[in-house]
Amino acid sequence: MLWIKSSVDLAGHPKLYKLMSILKVNQNEAIGIMHRFWWWCLQYAETGDLSEVDSTVLNTTLGTHNILETMIECKFVDNEPLQVHDWFDFAFEYLKSKYRTSNPEKYEKLLALRHKKQYSTKYSTKSGQDKIRLDKIRIDKIKEKERKPKNRKSLFKSILSRYPNKIRHKDAKRHFDATVKTVGDWERINTALGNYLAHLKNTAWKSPQNCSTWFNNWDGWVDHKEPGQEQADAEKQRIEELNRRAREALNR
């Protein structure tokens, strides 16, 4: 069964309002178009790469015109390279459930691709020596993320000491060894644990998972945001968009 992570913040996001304005559709229709677009990508462009996509097929599927150009304008799609914006933030959990046990080799490739995409747009370039220098910085950072960490046994002990429920720690060690293979993985699992501990603090009625369960699914917490934080971010973006429109109206 195909599925994708969906946030309630989409309904009030400035990007969605812009999509509504361009396509001249209401909010419910715009939300439907976005989800049908994401579902199509899960089936036919599961890495989020749209460079080989025939836009006429997407237009027919979604019942509209110039949909890729519209998605780019609304920043739901990145232009260079042509890919779904922040695709792995939403689709990675599904891809993990699909390939982690059935096709571990493909899962590792997707995991590496996810890491690289996090750095592919971080450094902007102009030309000449600046471009070469910044490209080298980007490549060096990617290589550093992919480097194998030293003394993984002590790393596991370090992160386990921070985890509040140490039941089944031997199984947790096995999951750790299977998923934390690079420096980038080590950084990500620490981010995930920080997010999880913050979540437990905000939901004091919850008991922490046993460490085996958490270490088997830790990557689902890397990009986690608490509901209040997501709403605050969305509200900030909405206000910025309204202010931008107000400034444009003054300059007309």
C-alpha atoms as a PDB file:
ATOM      1  CA  MET A   1       0.000   0.000   0.000  1.00  0.00           C
ATOM      2  CA  LEU A   2       1.347   3.404  -0.983  1.00  0.00           C
ATOM      3  CA  TRP A   3       1.303   6.162   1.636  1.00  0.00           C
ATOM      4  CA  ILE A   4       3.069   9.429   2.353  1.00  0.00           C
ATOM      5  CA  LYS A   5       3.567  11.659   5.377  1.00  0.00           C
ATOM      6  CA  SER A   6       1.088  14.552   5.331  1.00  0.00           C
ATOM      7  CA  SER A   7       1.072  17.577   7.616  1.00  0.00           C
ATOM      8  CA  VAL A   8      -2.028  19.554   8.625  1.00  0.00           C
ATOM      9  CA  ASP A   9       0.106  22.691   8.214  1.00  0.00           C
ATOM     10  CA  LEU A  10      -0.299  22.364   4.438  1.00  0.00           C
ATOM     11  CA  ALA A  11      -3.849  23.747   4.669  1.00  0.00           C
ATOM     12  CA  GLY A  12      -2.634  27.156   5.846  1.00  0.00           C
ATOM     13  CA  HIS A  13       0.719  27.301   4.097  1.00  0.00           C
ATOM     14  CA  PRO A  14       1.501  30.345   1.887  1.00  0.00           C
ATOM     15  CA  LYS A  15       2.670  27.993  -0.880  1.00  0.00           C
ATOM     16  CA  LEU A  16      -0.801  26.462  -1.022  1.00  0.00           C
ATOM     17  CA  TYR A  17      -2.437  29.898  -1.202  1.00  0.00           C
ATOM     18  CA  LYS A  18      -0.215  30.743  -4.134  1.00  0.00           C
ATOM     19  CA  LEU A  19      -1.153  27.480  -5.851  1.00  0.00           C
ATOM     20  CA  MET A  20      -4.838  28.305  -5.315  1.00  0.00           C
ATOM     21  CA  SER A  21      -4.337  31.723  -6.853  1.00  0.00           C
ATOM     22  CA  ILE A  22      -2.478  30.476  -9.942  1.00  0.00           C
ATOM     23  CA  LEU A  23      -4.770  27.512 -10.656  1.00  0.00           C
ATOM     24  CA  LYS A  24      -7.901  29.375  -9.546  1.00  0.00           C
ATOM     25  CA  VAL A  25      -9.049  26.550  -7.291  1.00  0.00           C
ATOM     26  CA  ASN A  26     -10.328  26.450  -3.736  1.00  0.00           C
ATOM     27  CA  GLN A  27      -8.409  25.190  -0.728  1.00  0.00           C
ATOM     28  CA  ASN A  28      -9.839  21.660  -0.793  1.00  0.00           C
ATOM     29  CA  GLU A  29      -9.060  21.289  -4.493  1.00  0.00           C
ATOM     30  CA  ALA A  30      -5.495  22.539  -4.004  1.00  0.00           C
ATOM     31  CA  ILE A  31      -4.885  20.078  -1.157  1.00  0.00           C
ATOM     32  CA  GLY A  32      -6.236  17.296  -3.368  1.00  0.00           C
ATOM     33  CA  ILE A  33      -3.977  18.310  -6.259  1.00  0.00           C
ATOM     34  CA  MET A  34      -0.912  18.279  -4.007  1.00  0.00           C
ATOM     35  CA  HIS A  35      -1.657  14.849  -2.613  1.00  0.00           C
ATOM     36  CA  ARG A  36      -2.381  13.387  -6.039  1.00  0.00           C
ATOM     37  CA  PHE A  37       0.925  14.866  -7.210  1.00  0.00           C
ATOM     38  CA  TRP A  38       2.804  13.292  -4.299  1.00  0.00           C
ATOM     39  CA  TRP A  39       1.040   9.947  -4.830  1.00  0.00           C
ATOM     40  CA  TRP A  40       2.030   9.988  -8.497  1.00  0.00           C
ATOM     41  CA  CYS A  41       5.639  10.683  -7.534  1.00  0.00           C
ATOM     42  CA  LEU A  42       5.619   7.714  -5.140  1.00  0.00           C
ATOM     43  CA  GLN A  43       4.650   5.469  -8.035  1.00  0.00           C
ATOM     44  CA  TYR A  44       6.701   6.903 -10.886  1.00  0.00           C
ATOM     45  CA  ALA A  45       9.430   9.125  -9.367  1.00  0.00           C
ATOM     46  CA  GLU A  46      10.073   7.654  -5.935  1.00  0.00           C
ATOM     47  CA  THR A  47      13.392   9.454  -5.441  1.00  0.00           C
ATOM     48  CA  GLY A  48      11.723  12.822  -6.144  1.00  0.00           C
ATOM     49  CA  ASP A  49      13.760  13.312  -9.337  1.00  0.00           C
ATOM     50  CA  LEU A  50      11.514  14.871 -12.006  1.00  0.00           C
ATOM     51  CA  SER A  51      14.176  15.471 -14.661  1.00  0.00           C
ATOM     52  CA  GLU A  52      12.871  12.665 -16.894  1.00  0.00           C
ATOM     53  CA  VAL A  53       9.164  13.302 -16.282  1.00  0.00           C
ATOM     54  CA  ASP A  54       6.894  14.109 -19.226  1.00  0.00           C
ATOM     55  CA  SER A  55       4.984  17.162 -18.002  1.00  0.00           C
ATOM     56  CA  THR A  56       2.030  16.380 -20.273  1.00  0.00           C
ATOM     57  CA  VAL A  57       1.484  13.144 -18.348  1.00  0.00           C
ATOM     58  CA  LEU A  58       1.376  15.073 -15.087  1.00  0.00           C
ATOM     59  CA  ASN A  59      -1.000  17.635 -16.603  1.00  0.00           C
ATOM     60  CA  THR A  60      -3.364  14.845 -17.667  1.00  0.00           C
ATOM     61  CA  THR A  61      -3.093  13.057 -14.319  1.00  0.00           C
ATOM     62  CA  LEU A  62      -3.853  16.179 -12.298  1.00  0.00           C
ATOM     63  CA  GLY A  63      -6.336  17.663 -14.765  1.00  0.00           C
ATOM     64  CA  THR A  64      -4.534  20.975 -15.166  1.00  0.00           C
ATOM     65  CA  HIS A  65      -2.018  22.808 -17.375  1.00  0.00           C
ATOM     66  CA  ASN A  66       1.672  23.648 -16.892  1.00  0.00           C
ATOM     67  CA  ILE A  67       1.660  21.888 -13.530  1.00  0.00           C
ATOM     68  CA  LEU A  68       5.452  21.557 -13.254  1.00  0.00           C
ATOM     69  CA  GLU A  69       5.967  25.254 -13.951  1.00  0.00           C
ATOM     70  CA  THR A  70       3.297  26.070 -11.376  1.00  0.00           C
ATOM     71  CA  MET A  71       4.848  23.774  -8.771  1.00  0.00           C
ATOM     72  CA  ILE A  72       8.232  25.442  -9.355  1.00  0.00           C
ATOM     73  CA  GLU A  73       6.716  28.912  -8.993  1.00  0.00           C
ATOM     74  CA  CYS A  74       5.036  27.868  -5.734  1.00  0.00           C
ATOM     75  CA  LYS A  75       8.293  26.213  -4.574  1.00  0.00           C
ATOM     76  CA  PHE A  76       6.746  22.778  -4.187  1.00  0.00           C
ATOM     77  CA  VAL A  77       9.340  21.699  -6.782  1.00  0.00           C
ATOM     78  CA  ASP A  78      12.988  22.793  -6.983  1.00  0.00           C
ATOM     79  CA  ASN A  79      14.139  23.895 -10.421  1.00  0.00           C
ATOM     80  CA  GLU A  80      17.868  23.116 -10.371  1.00  0.00           C
ATOM     81  CA  PRO A  81      17.966  20.185 -10.145  1.00  0.00           C
ATOM     82  CA  LEU A  82      14.348  19.432 -11.018  1.00  0.00           C
ATOM     83  CA  GLN A  83      13.085  17.548  -7.972  1.00  0.00           C
ATOM     84  CA  VAL A  84      10.252  17.587  -5.447  1.00  0.00           C
ATOM     85  CA  HIS A  85      11.115  20.031  -2.669  1.00  0.00           C
ATOM     86  CA  ASP A  86      12.195  18.277   0.556  1.00  0.00           C
ATOM     87  CA  TRP A  87      10.932  14.999  -0.916  1.00  0.00           C
ATOM     88  CA  PHE A  88      12.697  12.686   1.505  1.00  0.00           C
ATOM     89  CA  ASP A  89      11.249  14.562   4.494  1.00  0.00           C
ATOM     90  CA  PHE A  90       7.839  13.268   3.448  1.00  0.00           C
ATOM     91  CA  ALA A  91       8.489  10.062   1.494  1.00  0.00           C
ATOM     92  CA  PHE A  92      11.438   8.495   3.276  1.00  0.00           C
ATOM     93  CA  GLU A  93       9.400   6.633   5.912  1.00  0.00           C
ATOM     94  CA  TYR A  94       7.410   4.885   3.176  1.00  0.00           C
ATOM     95  CA  LEU A  95      10.553   4.084   1.162  1.00  0.00           C
ATOM     96  CA  LYS A  96      12.211   2.727   4.302  1.00  0.00           C
ATOM     97  CA  SER A  97       9.251   0.444   5.028  1.00  0.00           C
ATOM     98  CA  LYS A  98       9.259  -0.705   1.401  1.00  0.00           C
ATOM     99  CA  TYR A  99      12.959  -1.493   0.968  1.00  0.00           C
ATOM    100  CA  ARG A 100      14.694  -1.783   4.344  1.00  0.00           C
ATOM    101  CA  THR A 101      14.120  -5.545   4.676  1.00  0.00           C
ATOM    102  CA  SER A 102      12.989  -6.521   1.163  1.00  0.00           C
ATOM    103  CA  ASN A 103      15.871  -4.815  -0.662  1.00  0.00           C
ATOM    104  CA  PRO A 104      18.587  -3.608   1.779  1.00  0.00           C
ATOM    105  CA  GLU A 105      20.956  -2.648  -1.042  1.00  0.00           C
ATOM    106  CA  LYS A 106      18.405  -0.256  -2.562  1.00  0.00           C
ATOM    107  CA  TYR A 107      17.583   1.085   0.893  1.00  0.00           C
ATOM    108  CA  GLU A 108      21.257   1.932   1.460  1.00  0.00           C
ATOM    109  CA  LYS A 109      21.352   3.756  -1.895  1.00  0.00           C
ATOM    110  CA  LEU A 110      18.237   5.748  -0.979  1.00  0.00           C
ATOM    111  CA  LEU A 111      19.740   6.565   2.418  1.00  0.00           C
ATOM    112  CA  ALA A 112      22.931   7.830   0.764  1.00  0.00           C
ATOM    113  CA  LEU A 113      20.909   9.837  -1.757  1.00  0.00           C
ATOM    114  CA  ARG A 114      18.937  11.414   1.059  1.00  0.00           C
ATOM    115  CA  HIS A 115      22.155  12.473   2.785  1.00  0.00           C
ATOM    116  CA  LYS A 116      23.562  13.988  -0.419  1.00  0.00           C
ATOM    117  CA  LYS A 117      20.402  15.947  -1.204  1.00  0.00           C
ATOM    118  CA  GLN A 118      20.588  17.578   2.202  1.00  0.00           C
ATOM    119  CA  TYR A 119      23.837  19.226   1.040  1.00  0.00           C
ATOM    120  CA  SER A 120      23.239  19.608  -2.712  1.00  0.00           C
ATOM    121  CA  THR A 121      21.575  23.038  -2.412  1.00  0.00           C
ATOM    122  CA  LYS A 122      23.285  24.343   0.729  1.00  0.00           C
ATOM    123  CA  TYR A 123      26.086  26.199  -1.078  1.00  0.00           C
ATOM    124  CA  SER A 124      25.269  28.730  -3.782  1.00  0.00           C
ATOM    125  CA  THR A 125      27.874  29.503  -6.464  1.00  0.00           C
ATOM    126  CA  LYS A 126      28.537  32.196  -9.022  1.00  0.00           C
ATOM    127  CA  SER A 127      31.325  31.269 -11.412  1.00  0.00           C
ATOM    128  CA  GLY A 128      35.031  30.510 -11.844  1.00  0.00           C
ATOM    129  CA  GLN A 129      37.170  29.958  -8.763  1.00  0.00           C
ATOM    130  CA  ASP A 130      34.268  30.643  -6.382  1.00  0.00           C
ATOM    131  CA  LYS A 131      32.313  27.802  -7.960  1.00  0.00           C
ATOM    132  CA  ILE A 132      35.271  25.413  -7.782  1.00  0.00           C
ATOM    133  CA  ARG A 133      35.975  26.323  -4.154  1.00  0.00           C
ATOM    134  CA  LEU A 134      32.375  25.956  -3.004  1.00  0.00           C
ATOM    135  CA  ASP A 135      31.919  22.724  -4.954  1.00  0.00           C
ATOM    136  CA  LYS A 136      35.001  21.351  -3.190  1.00  0.00           C
ATOM    137  CA  ILE A 137      33.580  22.389   0.188  1.00  0.00           C
ATOM    138  CA  ARG A 138      30.337  20.609  -0.635  1.00  0.00           C
ATOM    139  CA  ILE A 139      32.107  17.457  -1.799  1.00  0.00           C
ATOM    140  CA  ASP A 140      34.385  17.452   1.266  1.00  0.00           C
ATOM    141  CA  LYS A 141      31.377  17.738   3.553  1.00  0.00           C
ATOM    142  CA  ILE A 142      29.612  14.881   1.772  1.00  0.00           C
ATOM    143  CA  LYS A 143      32.747  12.743   2.068  1.00  0.00           C
ATOM    144  CA  GLU A 144      33.007  13.588   5.761  1.00  0.00           C
ATOM    145  CA  LYS A 145      29.385  12.548   6.297  1.00  0.00           C
ATOM    146  CA  GLU A 146      30.061   9.233   4.541  1.00  0.00           C
ATOM    147  CA  ARG A 147      33.264   8.500   6.480  1.00  0.00           C
ATOM    148  CA  LYS A 148      33.035   5.558   8.875  1.00  0.00           C
ATOM    149  CA  PRO A 149      33.208   6.652  12.531  1.00  0.00           C
ATOM    150  CA  LYS A 150      35.911   5.245  14.774  1.00  0.00           C
ATOM    151  CA  ASN A 151      35.200   3.100  17.840  1.00  0.00           C
ATOM    152  CA  ARG A 152      31.494   2.528  17.261  1.00  0.00           C
ATOM    153  CA  LYS A 153      31.225   0.527  20.483  1.00  0.00           C
ATOM    154  CA  SER A 154      32.037   3.598  22.578  1.00  0.00           C
ATOM    155  CA  LEU A 155      29.663   5.687  20.433  1.00  0.00           C
ATOM    156  CA  PHE A 156      26.823   3.306  21.219  1.00  0.00           C
ATOM    157  CA  LYS A 157      27.587   3.430  24.939  1.00  0.00           C
ATOM    158  CA  SER A 158      27.605   7.221  24.727  1.00  0.00           C
ATOM    159  CA  ILE A 159      24.201   7.535  23.110  1.00  0.00           C
ATOM    160  CA  LEU A 160      22.682   4.708  25.158  1.00  0.00           C
ATOM    161  CA  SER A 161      23.636   6.577  28.337  1.00  0.00           C
ATOM    162  CA  ARG A 162      21.310   9.401  27.222  1.00  0.00           C
ATOM    163  CA  TYR A 163      18.373   7.115  26.473  1.00  0.00           C
ATOM    164  CA  PRO A 164      15.881   6.829  29.376  1.00  0.00           C
ATOM    165  CA  ASN A 165      14.746   3.202  28.912  1.00  0.00           C
ATOM    166  CA  LYS A 166      17.564   0.698  28.527  1.00  0.00           C
ATOM    167  CA  ILE A 167      15.440  -2.464  28.323  1.00  0.00           C
ATOM    168  CA  ARG A 168      16.700  -4.811  25.558  1.00  0.00           C
ATOM    169  CA  HIS A 169      19.900  -2.830  25.078  1.00  0.00           C
ATOM    170  CA  LYS A 170      21.604  -5.789  23.383  1.00  0.00           C
ATOM    171  CA  ASP A 171      18.995  -5.713  20.595  1.00  0.00           C
ATOM    172  CA  ALA A 172      19.412  -1.944  20.477  1.00  0.00           C
ATOM    173  CA  LYS A 173      23.142  -2.412  19.867  1.00  0.00           C
ATOM    174  CA  ARG A 174      22.355  -4.693  16.925  1.00  0.00           C
ATOM    175  CA  HIS A 175      20.017  -2.094  15.405  1.00  0.00           C
ATOM    176  CA  PHE A 176      22.621   0.611  16.013  1.00  0.00           C
ATOM    177  CA  ASP A 177      25.313  -1.376  14.203  1.00  0.00           C
ATOM    178  CA  ALA A 178      22.971  -1.990  11.253  1.00  0.00           C
ATOM    179  CA  THR A 179      21.955   1.642  10.774  1.00  0.00           C
ATOM    180  CA  VAL A 180      24.775   3.866  12.083  1.00  0.00           C
ATOM    181  CA  LYS A 181      27.614   3.244   9.641  1.00  0.00           C
ATOM    182  CA  THR A 182      28.868   6.737   8.806  1.00  0.00           C
ATOM    183  CA  VAL A 183      29.628  10.034  10.515  1.00  0.00           C
ATOM    184  CA  GLY A 184      26.459  11.391   8.924  1.00  0.00           C
ATOM    185  CA  ASP A 185      24.430   8.579  10.501  1.00  0.00           C
ATOM    186  CA  TRP A 186      25.979   9.372  13.888  1.00  0.00           C
ATOM    187  CA  GLU A 187      24.991  13.029  13.586  1.00  0.00           C
ATOM    188  CA  ARG A 188      21.482  12.096  12.475  1.00  0.00           C
ATOM    189  CA  ILE A 189      20.838   9.646  15.310  1.00  0.00           C
ATOM    190  CA  ASN A 190      21.918  12.298  17.822  1.00  0.00           C
ATOM    191  CA  THR A 191      19.497  14.755  16.217  1.00  0.00           C
ATOM    192  CA  ALA A 192      16.792  12.092  16.340  1.00  0.00           C
ATOM    193  CA  LEU A 193      17.401  11.403  20.027  1.00  0.00           C
ATOM    194  CA  GLY A 194      17.320  15.111  20.845  1.00  0.00           C
ATOM    195  CA  ASN A 195      13.959  15.413  19.072  1.00  0.00           C
ATOM    196  CA  TYR A 196      12.607  12.342  20.841  1.00  0.00           C
ATOM    197  CA  LEU A 197      13.684  13.534  24.290  1.00  0.00           C
ATOM    198  CA  ALA A 198      12.054  16.914  23.599  1.00  0.00           C
ATOM    199  CA  HIS A 199       8.893  15.074  22.557  1.00  0.00           C
ATOM    200  CA  LEU A 200       8.867  13.086  25.808  1.00  0.00           C
ATOM    201  CA  LYS A 201       9.317  16.309  27.772  1.00  0.00           C
ATOM    202  CA  ASN A 202       6.295  17.857  26.014  1.00  0.00           C
ATOM    203  CA  THR A 203       4.205  14.707  26.509  1.00  0.00           C
ATOM    204  CA  ALA A 204       5.041  13.748  30.074  1.00  0.00           C
ATOM    205  CA  TRP A 205       2.232  11.178  30.194  1.00  0.00           C
ATOM    206  CA  LYS A 206       4.089   9.015  27.664  1.00  0.00           C
ATOM    207  CA  SER A 207       6.541   6.339  28.715  1.00  0.00           C
ATOM    208  CA  PRO A 208       9.734   6.079  26.633  1.00  0.00           C
ATOM    209  CA  GLN A 209       9.923   3.155  24.232  1.00  0.00           C
ATOM    210  CA  ASN A 210      12.293   0.365  25.170  1.00  0.00           C
ATOM    211  CA  CYS A 211      15.647   1.127  23.574  1.00  0.00           C
ATOM    212  CA  SER A 212      15.428  -1.781  21.110  1.00  0.00           C
ATOM    213  CA  THR A 213      12.212  -0.375  19.613  1.00  0.00           C
ATOM    214  CA  TRP A 214      13.560   3.158  19.403  1.00  0.00           C
ATOM    215  CA  PHE A 215      16.948   2.217  17.911  1.00  0.00           C
ATOM    216  CA  ASN A 216      15.135   0.157  15.268  1.00  0.00           C
ATOM    217  CA  ASN A 217      13.155   3.213  14.128  1.00  0.00           C
ATOM    218  CA  TRP A 218      15.280   6.174  15.165  1.00  0.00           C
ATOM    219  CA  ASP A 219      15.476   7.765  11.702  1.00  0.00           C
ATOM    220  CA  GLY A 220      11.777   8.586  11.890  1.00  0.00           C
ATOM    221  CA  TRP A 221      12.663  11.196  14.542  1.00  0.00           C
ATOM    222  CA  VAL A 222      15.357  13.055  12.588  1.00  0.00           C
ATOM    223  CA  ASP A 223      12.970  15.584  11.039  1.00  0.00           C
ATOM    224  CA  HIS A 224      10.337  15.488  13.781  1.00  0.00           C
ATOM    225  CA  LYS A 225       8.801  18.750  14.911  1.00  0.00           C
ATOM    226  CA  GLU A 226       6.416  19.169  17.783  1.00  0.00           C
ATOM    227  CA  PRO A 227       2.890  20.296  16.691  1.00  0.00           C
ATOM    228  CA  GLY A 228       3.259  23.724  18.251  1.00  0.00           C
ATOM    229  CA  GLN A 229       6.575  24.260  16.480  1.00  0.00           C
ATOM    230  CA  GLU A 230       5.122  23.344  13.074  1.00  0.00           C
ATOM    231  CA  GLN A 231       2.162  25.677  13.601  1.00  0.00           C
ATOM    232  CA  ALA A 232       4.461  28.498  14.675  1.00  0.00           C
ATOM    233  CA  ASP A 233       6.654  28.007  11.584  1.00  0.00           C
ATOM    234  CA  ALA A 234       3.612  27.926   9.294  1.00  0.00           C
ATOM    235  CA  GLU A 235       2.136  31.043  10.905  1.00  0.00           C
ATOM    236  CA  LYS A 236       5.455  32.869  10.512  1.00  0.00           C
ATOM    237  CA  GLN A 237       5.580  31.950   6.818  1.00  0.00           C
ATOM    238  CA  ARG A 238       1.952  33.011   6.348  1.00  0.00           C
ATOM    239  CA  ILE A 239       2.604  36.418   7.916  1.00  0.00           C
ATOM    240  CA  GLU A 240       5.734  36.890   5.785  1.00  0.00           C
ATOM    241  CA  GLU A 241       3.715  36.093   2.669  1.00  0.00           C
ATOM    242  CA  LEU A 242       0.981  38.572   3.646  1.00  0.00           C
ATOM    243  CA  ASN A 243       3.605  41.243   4.316  1.00  0.00           C
ATOM    244  CA  ARG A 244       5.218  40.549   0.946  1.00  0.00           C
ATOM    245  CA  ARG A 245       1.880  40.951  -0.811  1.00  0.00           C
ATOM    246  CA  ALA A 246       1.229  44.180   1.080  1.00  0.00           C
ATOM    247  CA  ARG A 247       4.595  45.589  -0.016  1.00  0.00           C
ATOM    248  CA  GLU A 248       3.868  44.615  -3.627  1.00  0.00           C
ATOM    249  CA  ALA A 249       0.481  46.364  -3.441  1.00  0.00           C
ATOM    250  CA  LEU A 250       2.150  49.569  -2.208  1.00  0.00           C
ATOM    251  CA  ASN A 251       4.600  49.519  -5.131  1.00  0.00           C
ATOM    252  CA  ARG A 252       1.974  49.103  -7.831  1.00  0.00           C
END
